[in-house]
Amino acid sequence: MIPGGMDPKKMQAMMRQMGIKSEDISATKVVIETESGQSLIIENPQVTQITMQGQKSFQIAGDVRMEDKSSSDDIKLIMEKTGCSEEAAKDALEKSGGDIAQAILSLSSD
């Protein structure tokens, strides 16, 4: 039941009368990339597309985690350039304060 005691079928009927169309979308993962370079990753999502007056909006629920896209790309680059493990690349990147060149140099001099 929807809060307020309204039957979901009645709610769907009211929405159709108002010209609001709701459709479930089958998805395995939703990724939202932010301007700051972080990614919101939603695993096992329940996605609903709502169309109202020609505008589409999406309602998404699921298991959310944040990922810093730039650091994962940086780690891959460090691994490629030095042949080190992912853990070593992460440690070097942290120790260098995010400076990729310094991280590569520190791993190369070892």
PDB file of N, CA and C in Angstrom:
ATOM      1  N   MET A   1       0.826  -1.201   0.000  1.00  0.00           N
ATOM      2  CA  MET A   1       0.000   0.000   0.000  1.00  0.00           C
ATOM      3  C   MET A   1       0.864   1.257   0.000  1.00  0.00           C
ATOM      4  N   ILE A   2       0.383   2.234  -0.651  1.00  0.00           N
ATOM      5  CA  ILE A   2       1.038   3.539  -0.700  1.00  0.00           C
ATOM      6  C   ILE A   2       0.631   4.302   0.563  1.00  0.00           C
ATOM      7  N   PRO A   3       1.552   5.077   1.152  1.00  0.00           N
ATOM      8  CA  PRO A   3       1.180   5.845   2.349  1.00  0.00           C
ATOM      9  C   PRO A   3      -0.097   6.633   2.127  1.00  0.00           C
ATOM     10  N   GLY A   4      -0.919   6.692   3.150  1.00  0.00           N
ATOM     11  CA  GLY A   4      -2.192   7.384   3.034  1.00  0.00           C
ATOM     12  C   GLY A   4      -3.315   6.419   2.703  1.00  0.00           C
ATOM     13  N   GLY A   5      -2.973   5.133   2.551  1.00  0.00           N
ATOM     14  CA  GLY A   5      -3.984   4.112   2.351  1.00  0.00           C
ATOM     15  C   GLY A   5      -4.502   3.977   0.924  1.00  0.00           C
ATOM     16  N   MET A   6      -3.862   4.610  -0.065  1.00  0.00           N
ATOM     17  CA  MET A   6      -4.361   4.526  -1.436  1.00  0.00           C
ATOM     18  C   MET A   6      -3.869   3.238  -2.102  1.00  0.00           C
ATOM     19  N   ASP A   7      -4.756   2.572  -2.758  1.00  0.00           N
ATOM     20  CA  ASP A   7      -4.456   1.341  -3.490  1.00  0.00           C
ATOM     21  C   ASP A   7      -3.575   1.694  -4.698  1.00  0.00           C
ATOM     22  N   PRO A   8      -2.467   0.928  -4.913  1.00  0.00           N
ATOM     23  CA  PRO A   8      -1.588   1.223  -6.051  1.00  0.00           C
ATOM     24  C   PRO A   8      -2.309   1.212  -7.401  1.00  0.00           C
ATOM     25  N   LYS A   9      -3.296   0.337  -7.573  1.00  0.00           N
ATOM     26  CA  LYS A   9      -4.042   0.305  -8.840  1.00  0.00           C
ATOM     27  C   LYS A   9      -4.849   1.579  -9.032  1.00  0.00           C
ATOM     28  N   LYS A  10      -5.435   2.090  -7.945  1.00  0.00           N
ATOM     29  CA  LYS A  10      -6.188   3.344  -8.030  1.00  0.00           C
ATOM     30  C   LYS A  10      -5.237   4.498  -8.347  1.00  0.00           C
ATOM     31  N   MET A  11      -4.066   4.451  -7.754  1.00  0.00           N
ATOM     32  CA  MET A  11      -3.069   5.491  -8.011  1.00  0.00           C
ATOM     33  C   MET A  11      -2.674   5.482  -9.484  1.00  0.00           C
ATOM     34  N   GLN A  12      -2.430   4.301 -10.062  1.00  0.00           N
ATOM     35  CA  GLN A  12      -2.093   4.196 -11.488  1.00  0.00           C
ATOM     36  C   GLN A  12      -3.220   4.756 -12.347  1.00  0.00           C
ATOM     37  N   ALA A  13      -4.471   4.433 -12.004  1.00  0.00           N
ATOM     38  CA  ALA A  13      -5.619   4.930 -12.770  1.00  0.00           C
ATOM     39  C   ALA A  13      -5.687   6.455 -12.708  1.00  0.00           C
ATOM     40  N   MET A  14      -5.468   7.024 -11.531  1.00  0.00           N
ATOM     41  CA  MET A  14      -5.494   8.491 -11.390  1.00  0.00           C
ATOM     42  C   MET A  14      -4.383   9.128 -12.211  1.00  0.00           C
ATOM     43  N   MET A  15      -3.214   8.504 -12.186  1.00  0.00           N
ATOM     44  CA  MET A  15      -2.090   9.040 -12.950  1.00  0.00           C
ATOM     45  C   MET A  15      -2.394   9.021 -14.442  1.00  0.00           C
ATOM     46  N   ARG A  16      -2.987   7.942 -14.939  1.00  0.00           N
ATOM     47  CA  ARG A  16      -3.351   7.877 -16.362  1.00  0.00           C
ATOM     48  C   ARG A  16      -4.351   8.966 -16.713  1.00  0.00           C
ATOM     49  N   GLN A  17      -5.323   9.207 -15.833  1.00  0.00           N
ATOM     50  CA  GLN A  17      -6.320  10.249 -16.084  1.00  0.00           C
ATOM     51  C   GLN A  17      -5.676  11.632 -16.176  1.00  0.00           C
ATOM     52  N   MET A  18      -4.598  11.821 -15.418  1.00  0.00           N
ATOM     53  CA  MET A  18      -3.901  13.106 -15.420  1.00  0.00           C
ATOM     54  C   MET A  18      -2.870  13.199 -16.541  1.00  0.00           C
ATOM     55  N   GLY A  19      -2.752  12.131 -17.347  1.00  0.00           N
ATOM     56  CA  GLY A  19      -1.797  12.138 -18.452  1.00  0.00           C
ATOM     57  C   GLY A  19      -0.389  11.784 -18.034  1.00  0.00           C
ATOM     58  N   ILE A  20      -0.252  11.138 -16.897  1.00  0.00           N
ATOM     59  CA  ILE A  20       1.065  10.739 -16.404  1.00  0.00           C
ATOM     60  C   ILE A  20       1.243   9.252 -16.680  1.00  0.00           C
ATOM     61  N   LYS A  21       2.316   8.934 -17.394  1.00  0.00           N
ATOM     62  CA  LYS A  21       2.588   7.547 -17.743  1.00  0.00           C
ATOM     63  C   LYS A  21       3.800   7.071 -16.945  1.00  0.00           C
ATOM     64  N   SER A  22       3.680   5.891 -16.347  1.00  0.00           N
ATOM     65  CA  SER A  22       4.755   5.321 -15.549  1.00  0.00           C
ATOM     66  C   SER A  22       5.136   3.967 -16.139  1.00  0.00           C
ATOM     67  N   GLU A  23       6.451   3.744 -16.299  1.00  0.00           N
ATOM     68  CA  GLU A  23       6.922   2.501 -16.902  1.00  0.00           C
ATOM     69  C   GLU A  23       8.174   2.022 -16.171  1.00  0.00           C
ATOM     70  N   ASP A  24       8.180   0.745 -15.755  1.00  0.00           N
ATOM     71  CA  ASP A  24       9.364   0.165 -15.125  1.00  0.00           C
ATOM     72  C   ASP A  24      10.382  -0.166 -16.205  1.00  0.00           C
ATOM     73  N   ILE A  25      11.657   0.088 -15.916  1.00  0.00           N
ATOM     74  CA  ILE A  25      12.733  -0.186 -16.856  1.00  0.00           C
ATOM     75  C   ILE A  25      13.652  -1.228 -16.230  1.00  0.00           C
ATOM     76  N   SER A  26      13.938  -2.271 -16.983  1.00  0.00           N
ATOM     77  CA  SER A  26      14.831  -3.322 -16.508  1.00  0.00           C
ATOM     78  C   SER A  26      16.274  -2.837 -16.665  1.00  0.00           C
ATOM     79  N   ALA A  27      16.997  -2.768 -15.545  1.00  0.00           N
ATOM     80  CA  ALA A  27      18.384  -2.302 -15.577  1.00  0.00           C
ATOM     81  C   ALA A  27      19.208  -3.110 -14.582  1.00  0.00           C
ATOM     82  N   THR A  28      20.492  -3.256 -14.865  1.00  0.00           N
ATOM     83  CA  THR A  28      21.378  -3.967 -13.959  1.00  0.00           C
ATOM     84  C   THR A  28      22.257  -3.007 -13.163  1.00  0.00           C
ATOM     85  N   LYS A  29      22.515  -1.811 -13.726  1.00  0.00           N
ATOM     86  CA  LYS A  29      23.344  -0.822 -13.041  1.00  0.00           C
ATOM     87  C   LYS A  29      23.040   0.552 -13.629  1.00  0.00           C
ATOM     88  N   VAL A  30      23.057   1.573 -12.760  1.00  0.00           N
ATOM     89  CA  VAL A  30      22.886   2.953 -13.194  1.00  0.00           C
ATOM     90  C   VAL A  30      24.115   3.730 -12.727  1.00  0.00           C
ATOM     91  N   VAL A  31      24.734   4.476 -13.641  1.00  0.00           N
ATOM     92  CA  VAL A  31      25.908   5.270 -13.305  1.00  0.00           C
ATOM     93  C   VAL A  31      25.600   6.737 -13.602  1.00  0.00           C
ATOM     94  N   ILE A  32      25.824   7.583 -12.595  1.00  0.00           N
ATOM     95  CA  ILE A  32      25.636   9.019 -12.752  1.00  0.00           C
ATOM     96  C   ILE A  32      26.999   9.665 -12.538  1.00  0.00           C
ATOM     97  N   GLU A  33      27.517  10.318 -13.570  1.00  0.00           N
ATOM     98  CA  GLU A  33      28.817  10.975 -13.481  1.00  0.00           C
ATOM     99  C   GLU A  33      28.608  12.437 -13.138  1.00  0.00           C
ATOM    100  N   THR A  34      29.268  12.888 -12.083  1.00  0.00           N
ATOM    101  CA  THR A  34      29.128  14.270 -11.637  1.00  0.00           C
ATOM    102  C   THR A  34      30.203  15.146 -12.273  1.00  0.00           C
ATOM    103  N   GLU A  35      30.000  16.448 -12.203  1.00  0.00           N
ATOM    104  CA  GLU A  35      30.975  17.388 -12.755  1.00  0.00           C
ATOM    105  C   GLU A  35      32.299  17.333 -12.007  1.00  0.00           C
ATOM    106  N   SER A  36      32.256  16.890 -10.740  1.00  0.00           N
ATOM    107  CA  SER A  36      33.474  16.854  -9.924  1.00  0.00           C
ATOM    108  C   SER A  36      34.332  15.628 -10.209  1.00  0.00           C
ATOM    109  N   GLY A  37      33.881  14.761 -11.115  1.00  0.00           N
ATOM    110  CA  GLY A  37      34.668  13.583 -11.461  1.00  0.00           C
ATOM    111  C   GLY A  37      34.296  12.343 -10.676  1.00  0.00           C
ATOM    112  N   GLN A  38      33.346  12.465  -9.762  1.00  0.00           N
ATOM    113  CA  GLN A  38      32.896  11.295  -9.020  1.00  0.00           C
ATOM    114  C   GLN A  38      31.747  10.640  -9.760  1.00  0.00           C
ATOM    115  N   SER A  39      31.567   9.366  -9.487  1.00  0.00           N
ATOM    116  CA  SER A  39      30.460   8.630 -10.079  1.00  0.00           C
ATOM    117  C   SER A  39      29.593   8.052  -8.983  1.00  0.00           C
ATOM    118  N   LEU A  40      28.297   8.205  -9.127  1.00  0.00           N
ATOM    119  CA  LEU A  40      27.335   7.525  -8.271  1.00  0.00           C
ATOM    120  C   LEU A  40      26.982   6.242  -9.001  1.00  0.00           C
ATOM    121  N   ILE A  41      27.225   5.109  -8.371  1.00  0.00           N
ATOM    122  CA  ILE A  41      26.925   3.835  -8.997  1.00  0.00           C
ATOM    123  C   ILE A  41      25.805   3.181  -8.209  1.00  0.00           C
ATOM    124  N   ILE A  42      24.719   2.858  -8.884  1.00  0.00           N
ATOM    125  CA  ILE A  42      23.558   2.258  -8.242  1.00  0.00           C
ATOM    126  C   ILE A  42      23.429   0.835  -8.763  1.00  0.00           C
ATOM    127  N   GLU A  43      23.716  -0.113  -7.877  1.00  0.00           N
ATOM    128  CA  GLU A  43      23.637  -1.540  -8.223  1.00  0.00           C
ATOM    129  C   GLU A  43      22.241  -2.046  -7.896  1.00  0.00           C
ATOM    130  N   ASN A  44      21.804  -3.074  -8.594  1.00  0.00           N
ATOM    131  CA  ASN A  44      20.481  -3.673  -8.386  1.00  0.00           C
ATOM    132  C   ASN A  44      19.380  -2.608  -8.379  1.00  0.00           C
ATOM    133  N   PRO A  45      19.343  -1.751  -9.395  1.00  0.00           N
ATOM    134  CA  PRO A  45      18.401  -0.629  -9.369  1.00  0.00           C
ATOM    135  C   PRO A  45      16.971  -1.040  -9.720  1.00  0.00           C
ATOM    136  N   GLN A  46      16.053  -0.289  -9.155  1.00  0.00           N
ATOM    137  CA  GLN A  46      14.655  -0.338  -9.554  1.00  0.00           C
ATOM    138  C   GLN A  46      14.406   1.011 -10.216  1.00  0.00           C
ATOM    139  N   VAL A  47      14.215   0.990 -11.534  1.00  0.00           N
ATOM    140  CA  VAL A  47      14.113   2.230 -12.294  1.00  0.00           C
ATOM    141  C   VAL A  47      12.701   2.377 -12.848  1.00  0.00           C
ATOM    142  N   THR A  48      12.119   3.553 -12.605  1.00  0.00           N
ATOM    143  CA  THR A  48      10.797   3.860 -13.136  1.00  0.00           C
ATOM    144  C   THR A  48      10.906   5.133 -13.959  1.00  0.00           C
ATOM    145  N   GLN A  49      10.435   5.062 -15.214  1.00  0.00           N
ATOM    146  CA  GLN A  49      10.405   6.237 -16.086  1.00  0.00           C
ATOM    147  C   GLN A  49       9.016   6.837 -15.996  1.00  0.00           C
ATOM    148  N   ILE A  50       8.938   8.122 -15.714  1.00  0.00           N
ATOM    149  CA  ILE A  50       7.662   8.816 -15.592  1.00  0.00           C
ATOM    150  C   ILE A  50       7.605   9.875 -16.677  1.00  0.00           C
ATOM    151  N   THR A  51       6.558   9.819 -17.509  1.00  0.00           N
ATOM    152  CA  THR A  51       6.379  10.787 -18.580  1.00  0.00           C
ATOM    153  C   THR A  51       5.165  11.643 -18.252  1.00  0.00           C
ATOM    154  N   MET A  52       5.396  12.965 -18.182  1.00  0.00           N
ATOM    155  CA  MET A  52       4.312  13.887 -17.863  1.00  0.00           C
ATOM    156  C   MET A  52       4.488  15.127 -18.728  1.00  0.00           C
ATOM    157  N   GLN A  53       3.490  15.450 -19.506  1.00  0.00           N
ATOM    158  CA  GLN A  53       3.494  16.598 -20.402  1.00  0.00           C
ATOM    159  C   GLN A  53       4.724  16.595 -21.311  1.00  0.00           C
ATOM    160  N   GLY A  54       5.091  15.412 -21.808  1.00  0.00           N
ATOM    161  CA  GLY A  54       6.199  15.280 -22.739  1.00  0.00           C
ATOM    162  C   GLY A  54       7.575  15.234 -22.080  1.00  0.00           C
ATOM    163  N   GLN A  55       7.647  15.515 -20.798  1.00  0.00           N
ATOM    164  CA  GLN A  55       8.911  15.478 -20.063  1.00  0.00           C
ATOM    165  C   GLN A  55       9.090  14.106 -19.425  1.00  0.00           C
ATOM    166  N   LYS A  56      10.289  13.547 -19.553  1.00  0.00           N
ATOM    167  CA  LYS A  56      10.590  12.258 -18.941  1.00  0.00           C
ATOM    168  C   LYS A  56      11.454  12.482 -17.710  1.00  0.00           C
ATOM    169  N   SER A  57      11.092  11.824 -16.636  1.00  0.00           N
ATOM    170  CA  SER A  57      11.932  11.839 -15.439  1.00  0.00           C
ATOM    171  C   SER A  57      12.063  10.402 -14.956  1.00  0.00           C
ATOM    172  N   PHE A  58      13.073  10.175 -14.141  1.00  0.00           N
ATOM    173  CA  PHE A  58      13.365   8.823 -13.699  1.00  0.00           C
ATOM    174  C   PHE A  58      13.431   8.778 -12.185  1.00  0.00           C
ATOM    175  N   GLN A  59      12.859   7.730 -11.640  1.00  0.00           N
ATOM    176  CA  GLN A  59      12.949   7.472 -10.209  1.00  0.00           C
ATOM    177  C   GLN A  59      13.808   6.224 -10.061  1.00  0.00           C
ATOM    178  N   ILE A  60      14.869   6.317  -9.260  1.00  0.00           N
ATOM    179  CA  ILE A  60      15.827   5.224  -9.141  1.00  0.00           C
ATOM    180  C   ILE A  60      16.031   4.899  -7.669  1.00  0.00           C
ATOM    181  N   ALA A  61      15.961   3.612  -7.346  1.00  0.00           N
ATOM    182  CA  ALA A  61      16.248   3.141  -5.992  1.00  0.00           C
ATOM    183  C   ALA A  61      17.173   1.946  -6.115  1.00  0.00           C
ATOM    184  N   GLY A  62      18.068   1.762  -5.165  1.00  0.00           N
ATOM    185  CA  GLY A  62      18.979   0.626  -5.202  1.00  0.00           C
ATOM    186  C   GLY A  62      20.129   0.810  -4.246  1.00  0.00           C
ATOM    187  N   ASP A  63      21.161  -0.022  -4.389  1.00  0.00           N
ATOM    188  CA  ASP A  63      22.351   0.030  -3.546  1.00  0.00           C
ATOM    189  C   ASP A  63      23.325   1.036  -4.150  1.00  0.00           C
ATOM    190  N   VAL A  64      23.568   2.141  -3.445  1.00  0.00           N
ATOM    191  CA  VAL A  64      24.363   3.247  -3.981  1.00  0.00           C
ATOM    192  C   VAL A  64      25.769   3.246  -3.385  1.00  0.00           C
ATOM    193  N   ARG A  65      26.745   3.485  -4.262  1.00  0.00           N
ATOM    194  CA  ARG A  65      28.123   3.690  -3.803  1.00  0.00           C
ATOM    195  C   ARG A  65      28.743   4.800  -4.645  1.00  0.00           C
ATOM    196  N   MET A  66      29.723   5.473  -4.049  1.00  0.00           N
ATOM    197  CA  MET A  66      30.433   6.539  -4.740  1.00  0.00           C
ATOM    198  C   MET A  66      31.776   5.999  -5.221  1.00  0.00           C
ATOM    199  N   GLU A  67      32.201   6.461  -6.371  1.00  0.00           N
ATOM    200  CA  GLU A  67      33.498   6.074  -6.899  1.00  0.00           C
ATOM    201  C   GLU A  67      34.149   7.313  -7.491  1.00  0.00           C
ATOM    202  N   ASP A  68      35.395   7.526  -7.136  1.00  0.00           N
ATOM    203  CA  ASP A  68      36.134   8.656  -7.695  1.00  0.00           C
ATOM    204  C   ASP A  68      36.745   8.194  -9.008  1.00  0.00           C
ATOM    205  N   LYS A  69      36.088   8.534 -10.109  1.00  0.00           N
ATOM    206  CA  LYS A  69      36.496   8.049 -11.433  1.00  0.00           C
ATOM    207  C   LYS A  69      37.928   8.435 -11.770  1.00  0.00           C
ATOM    208  N   SER A  70      38.306   9.653 -11.442  1.00  0.00           N
ATOM    209  CA  SER A  70      39.647  10.086 -11.815  1.00  0.00           C
ATOM    210  C   SER A  70      40.711   9.262 -11.107  1.00  0.00           C
ATOM    211  N   SER A  71      40.502   8.910  -9.831  1.00  0.00           N
ATOM    212  CA  SER A  71      41.540   8.148  -9.140  1.00  0.00           C
ATOM    213  C   SER A  71      41.625   6.720  -9.674  1.00  0.00           C
ATOM    214  N   SER A  72      40.502   6.124 -10.089  1.00  0.00           N
ATOM    215  CA  SER A  72      40.577   4.768 -10.647  1.00  0.00           C
ATOM    216  C   SER A  72      41.313   4.786 -11.990  1.00  0.00           C
ATOM    217  N   ASP A  73      41.100   5.829 -12.784  1.00  0.00           N
ATOM    218  CA  ASP A  73      41.839   5.968 -14.043  1.00  0.00           C
ATOM    219  C   ASP A  73      43.315   6.225 -13.770  1.00  0.00           C
ATOM    220  N   ASP A  74      43.590   7.026 -12.744  1.00  0.00           N
ATOM    221  CA  ASP A  74      44.968   7.329 -12.373  1.00  0.00           C
ATOM    222  C   ASP A  74      45.692   6.060 -11.924  1.00  0.00           C
ATOM    223  N   ILE A  75      45.010   5.244 -11.138  1.00  0.00           N
ATOM    224  CA  ILE A  75      45.609   3.996 -10.648  1.00  0.00           C
ATOM    225  C   ILE A  75      45.943   3.076 -11.815  1.00  0.00           C
ATOM    226  N   LYS A  76      45.030   2.982 -12.773  1.00  0.00           N
ATOM    227  CA  LYS A  76      45.282   2.142 -13.955  1.00  0.00           C
ATOM    228  C   LYS A  76      46.500   2.649 -14.729  1.00  0.00           C
ATOM    229  N   LEU A  77      46.605   3.965 -14.877  1.00  0.00           N
ATOM    230  CA  LEU A  77      47.732   4.554 -15.595  1.00  0.00           C
ATOM    231  C   LEU A  77      49.050   4.243 -14.878  1.00  0.00           C
ATOM    232  N   ILE A  78      49.051   4.395 -13.565  1.00  0.00           N
ATOM    233  CA  ILE A  78      50.261   4.106 -12.781  1.00  0.00           C
ATOM    234  C   ILE A  78      50.645   2.638 -12.922  1.00  0.00           C
ATOM    235  N   MET A  79      49.663   1.755 -12.883  1.00  0.00           N
ATOM    236  CA  MET A  79      49.926   0.320 -13.038  1.00  0.00           C
ATOM    237  C   MET A  79      50.525   0.020 -14.405  1.00  0.00           C
ATOM    238  N   GLU A  80      49.982   0.649 -15.451  1.00  0.00           N
ATOM    239  CA  GLU A  80      50.479   0.427 -16.813  1.00  0.00           C
ATOM    240  C   GLU A  80      51.926   0.915 -16.964  1.00  0.00           C
ATOM    241  N   LYS A  81      52.222   2.085 -16.399  1.00  0.00           N
ATOM    242  CA  LYS A  81      53.550   2.685 -16.572  1.00  0.00           C
ATOM    243  C   LYS A  81      54.626   1.999 -15.738  1.00  0.00           C
ATOM    244  N   THR A  82      54.238   1.429 -14.585  1.00  0.00           N
ATOM    245  CA  THR A  82      55.246   0.860 -13.691  1.00  0.00           C
ATOM    246  C   THR A  82      55.190  -0.660 -13.586  1.00  0.00           C
ATOM    247  N   GLY A  83      54.089  -1.270 -13.991  1.00  0.00           N
ATOM    248  CA  GLY A  83      53.943  -2.722 -13.865  1.00  0.00           C
ATOM    249  C   GLY A  83      53.692  -3.177 -12.439  1.00  0.00           C
ATOM    250  N   CYS A  84      53.291  -2.246 -11.570  1.00  0.00           N
ATOM    251  CA  CYS A  84      53.058  -2.586 -10.168  1.00  0.00           C
ATOM    252  C   CYS A  84      51.636  -3.103  -9.960  1.00  0.00           C
ATOM    253  N   SER A  85      51.374  -3.562  -8.751  1.00  0.00           N
ATOM    254  CA  SER A  85      50.041  -4.051  -8.395  1.00  0.00           C
ATOM    255  C   SER A  85      49.103  -2.869  -8.154  1.00  0.00           C
ATOM    256  N   GLU A  86      47.812  -3.154  -8.134  1.00  0.00           N
ATOM    257  CA  GLU A  86      46.821  -2.107  -7.884  1.00  0.00           C
ATOM    258  C   GLU A  86      47.024  -1.502  -6.490  1.00  0.00           C
ATOM    259  N   GLU A  87      47.298  -2.354  -5.512  1.00  0.00           N
ATOM    260  CA  GLU A  87      47.514  -1.885  -4.139  1.00  0.00           C
ATOM    261  C   GLU A  87      48.716  -0.938  -4.057  1.00  0.00           C
ATOM    262  N   ALA A  88      49.815  -1.309  -4.718  1.00  0.00           N
ATOM    263  CA  ALA A  88      51.013  -0.453  -4.721  1.00  0.00           C
ATOM    264  C   ALA A  88      50.728   0.879  -5.404  1.00  0.00           C
ATOM    265  N   ALA A  89      49.959   0.843  -6.494  1.00  0.00           N
ATOM    266  CA  ALA A  89      49.611   2.074  -7.209  1.00  0.00           C
ATOM    267  C   ALA A  89      48.753   2.978  -6.330  1.00  0.00           C
ATOM    268  N   LYS A  90      47.780   2.397  -5.608  1.00  0.00           N
ATOM    269  CA  LYS A  90      46.934   3.185  -4.708  1.00  0.00           C
ATOM    270  C   LYS A  90      47.769   3.835  -3.614  1.00  0.00           C
ATOM    271  N   ASP A  91      48.670   3.043  -3.009  1.00  0.00           N
ATOM    272  CA  ASP A  91      49.518   3.566  -1.934  1.00  0.00           C
ATOM    273  C   ASP A  91      50.390   4.712  -2.437  1.00  0.00           C
ATOM    274  N   ALA A  92      51.007   4.532  -3.599  1.00  0.00           N
ATOM    275  CA  ALA A  92      51.882   5.570  -4.156  1.00  0.00           C
ATOM    276  C   ALA A  92      51.093   6.839  -4.475  1.00  0.00           C
ATOM    277  N   LEU A  93      49.886   6.670  -4.992  1.00  0.00           N
ATOM    278  CA  LEU A  93      49.047   7.832  -5.321  1.00  0.00           C
ATOM    279  C   LEU A  93      48.649   8.585  -4.056  1.00  0.00           C
ATOM    280  N   GLU A  94      48.326   7.849  -2.994  1.00  0.00           N
ATOM    281  CA  GLU A  94      47.976   8.485  -1.725  1.00  0.00           C
ATOM    282  C   GLU A  94      49.185   9.221  -1.139  1.00  0.00           C
ATOM    283  N   LYS A  95      50.341   8.571  -1.144  1.00  0.00           N
ATOM    284  CA  LYS A  95      51.561   9.177  -0.577  1.00  0.00           C
ATOM    285  C   LYS A  95      51.987  10.424  -1.343  1.00  0.00           C
ATOM    286  N   SER A  96      51.691  10.451  -2.656  1.00  0.00           N
ATOM    287  CA  SER A  96      52.079  11.611  -3.473  1.00  0.00           C
ATOM    288  C   SER A  96      51.018  12.707  -3.453  1.00  0.00           C
ATOM    289  N   GLY A  97      49.946  12.494  -2.689  1.00  0.00           N
ATOM    290  CA  GLY A  97      48.882  13.505  -2.619  1.00  0.00           C
ATOM    291  C   GLY A  97      48.105  13.641  -3.911  1.00  0.00           C
ATOM    292  N   GLY A  98      48.047  12.545  -4.683  1.00  0.00           N
ATOM    293  CA  GLY A  98      47.301  12.562  -5.934  1.00  0.00           C
ATOM    294  C   GLY A  98      48.120  12.962  -7.144  1.00  0.00           C
ATOM    295  N   ASP A  99      49.392  13.210  -6.956  1.00  0.00           N
ATOM    296  CA  ASP A  99      50.284  13.597  -8.063  1.00  0.00           C
ATOM    297  C   ASP A  99      50.719  12.327  -8.808  1.00  0.00           C
ATOM    298  N   ILE A 100      50.186  12.128 -10.005  1.00  0.00           N
ATOM    299  CA  ILE A 100      50.429  10.907 -10.778  1.00  0.00           C
ATOM    300  C   ILE A 100      51.910  10.763 -11.125  1.00  0.00           C
ATOM    301  N   ALA A 101      52.513  11.831 -11.597  1.00  0.00           N
ATOM    302  CA  ALA A 101      53.928  11.769 -12.001  1.00  0.00           C
ATOM    303  C   ALA A 101      54.813  11.382 -10.822  1.00  0.00           C
ATOM    304  N   GLN A 102      54.549  11.989  -9.677  1.00  0.00           N
ATOM    305  CA  GLN A 102      55.333  11.679  -8.480  1.00  0.00           C
ATOM    306  C   GLN A 102      55.136  10.224  -8.062  1.00  0.00           C
ATOM    307  N   ALA A 103      53.917   9.727  -8.174  1.00  0.00           N
ATOM    308  CA  ALA A 103      53.625   8.331  -7.818  1.00  0.00           C
ATOM    309  C   ALA A 103      54.389   7.383  -8.736  1.00  0.00           C
ATOM    310  N   ILE A 104      54.411   7.683 -10.028  1.00  0.00           N
ATOM    311  CA  ILE A 104      55.137   6.846 -10.995  1.00  0.00           C
ATOM    312  C   ILE A 104      56.627   6.879 -10.695  1.00  0.00           C
ATOM    313  N   LEU A 105      57.165   8.061 -10.434  1.00  0.00           N
ATOM    314  CA  LEU A 105      58.585   8.200 -10.128  1.00  0.00           C
ATOM    315  C   LEU A 105      58.961   7.438  -8.852  1.00  0.00           C
ATOM    316  N   SER A 106      58.099   7.517  -7.853  1.00  0.00           N
ATOM    317  CA  SER A 106      58.417   6.826  -6.594  1.00  0.00           C
ATOM    318  C   SER A 106      58.413   5.311  -6.778  1.00  0.00           C
ATOM    319  N   LEU A 107      57.536   4.803  -7.627  1.00  0.00           N
ATOM    320  CA  LEU A 107      57.490   3.366  -7.874  1.00  0.00           C
ATOM    321  C   LEU A 107      58.623   2.930  -8.796  1.00  0.00           C
ATOM    322  N   SER A 108      59.021   3.799  -9.703  1.00  0.00           N
ATOM    323  CA  SER A 108      60.092   3.473 -10.646  1.00  0.00           C
ATOM    324  C   SER A 108      61.456   3.446  -9.973  1.00  0.00           C
ATOM    325  N   SER A 109      61.606   4.252  -8.923  1.00  0.00           N
ATOM    326  CA  SER A 109      62.909   4.326  -8.245  1.00  0.00           C
ATOM    327  C   SER A 109      63.102   3.189  -7.241  1.00  0.00           C
ATOM    328  N   ASP A 110      62.026   2.450  -6.939  1.00  0.00           N
ATOM    329  CA  ASP A 110      62.138   1.337  -5.978  1.00  0.00           C
ATOM    330  C   ASP A 110      62.830   0.133  -6.560  1.00  0.00           C
TER     331      ASP A 110
END
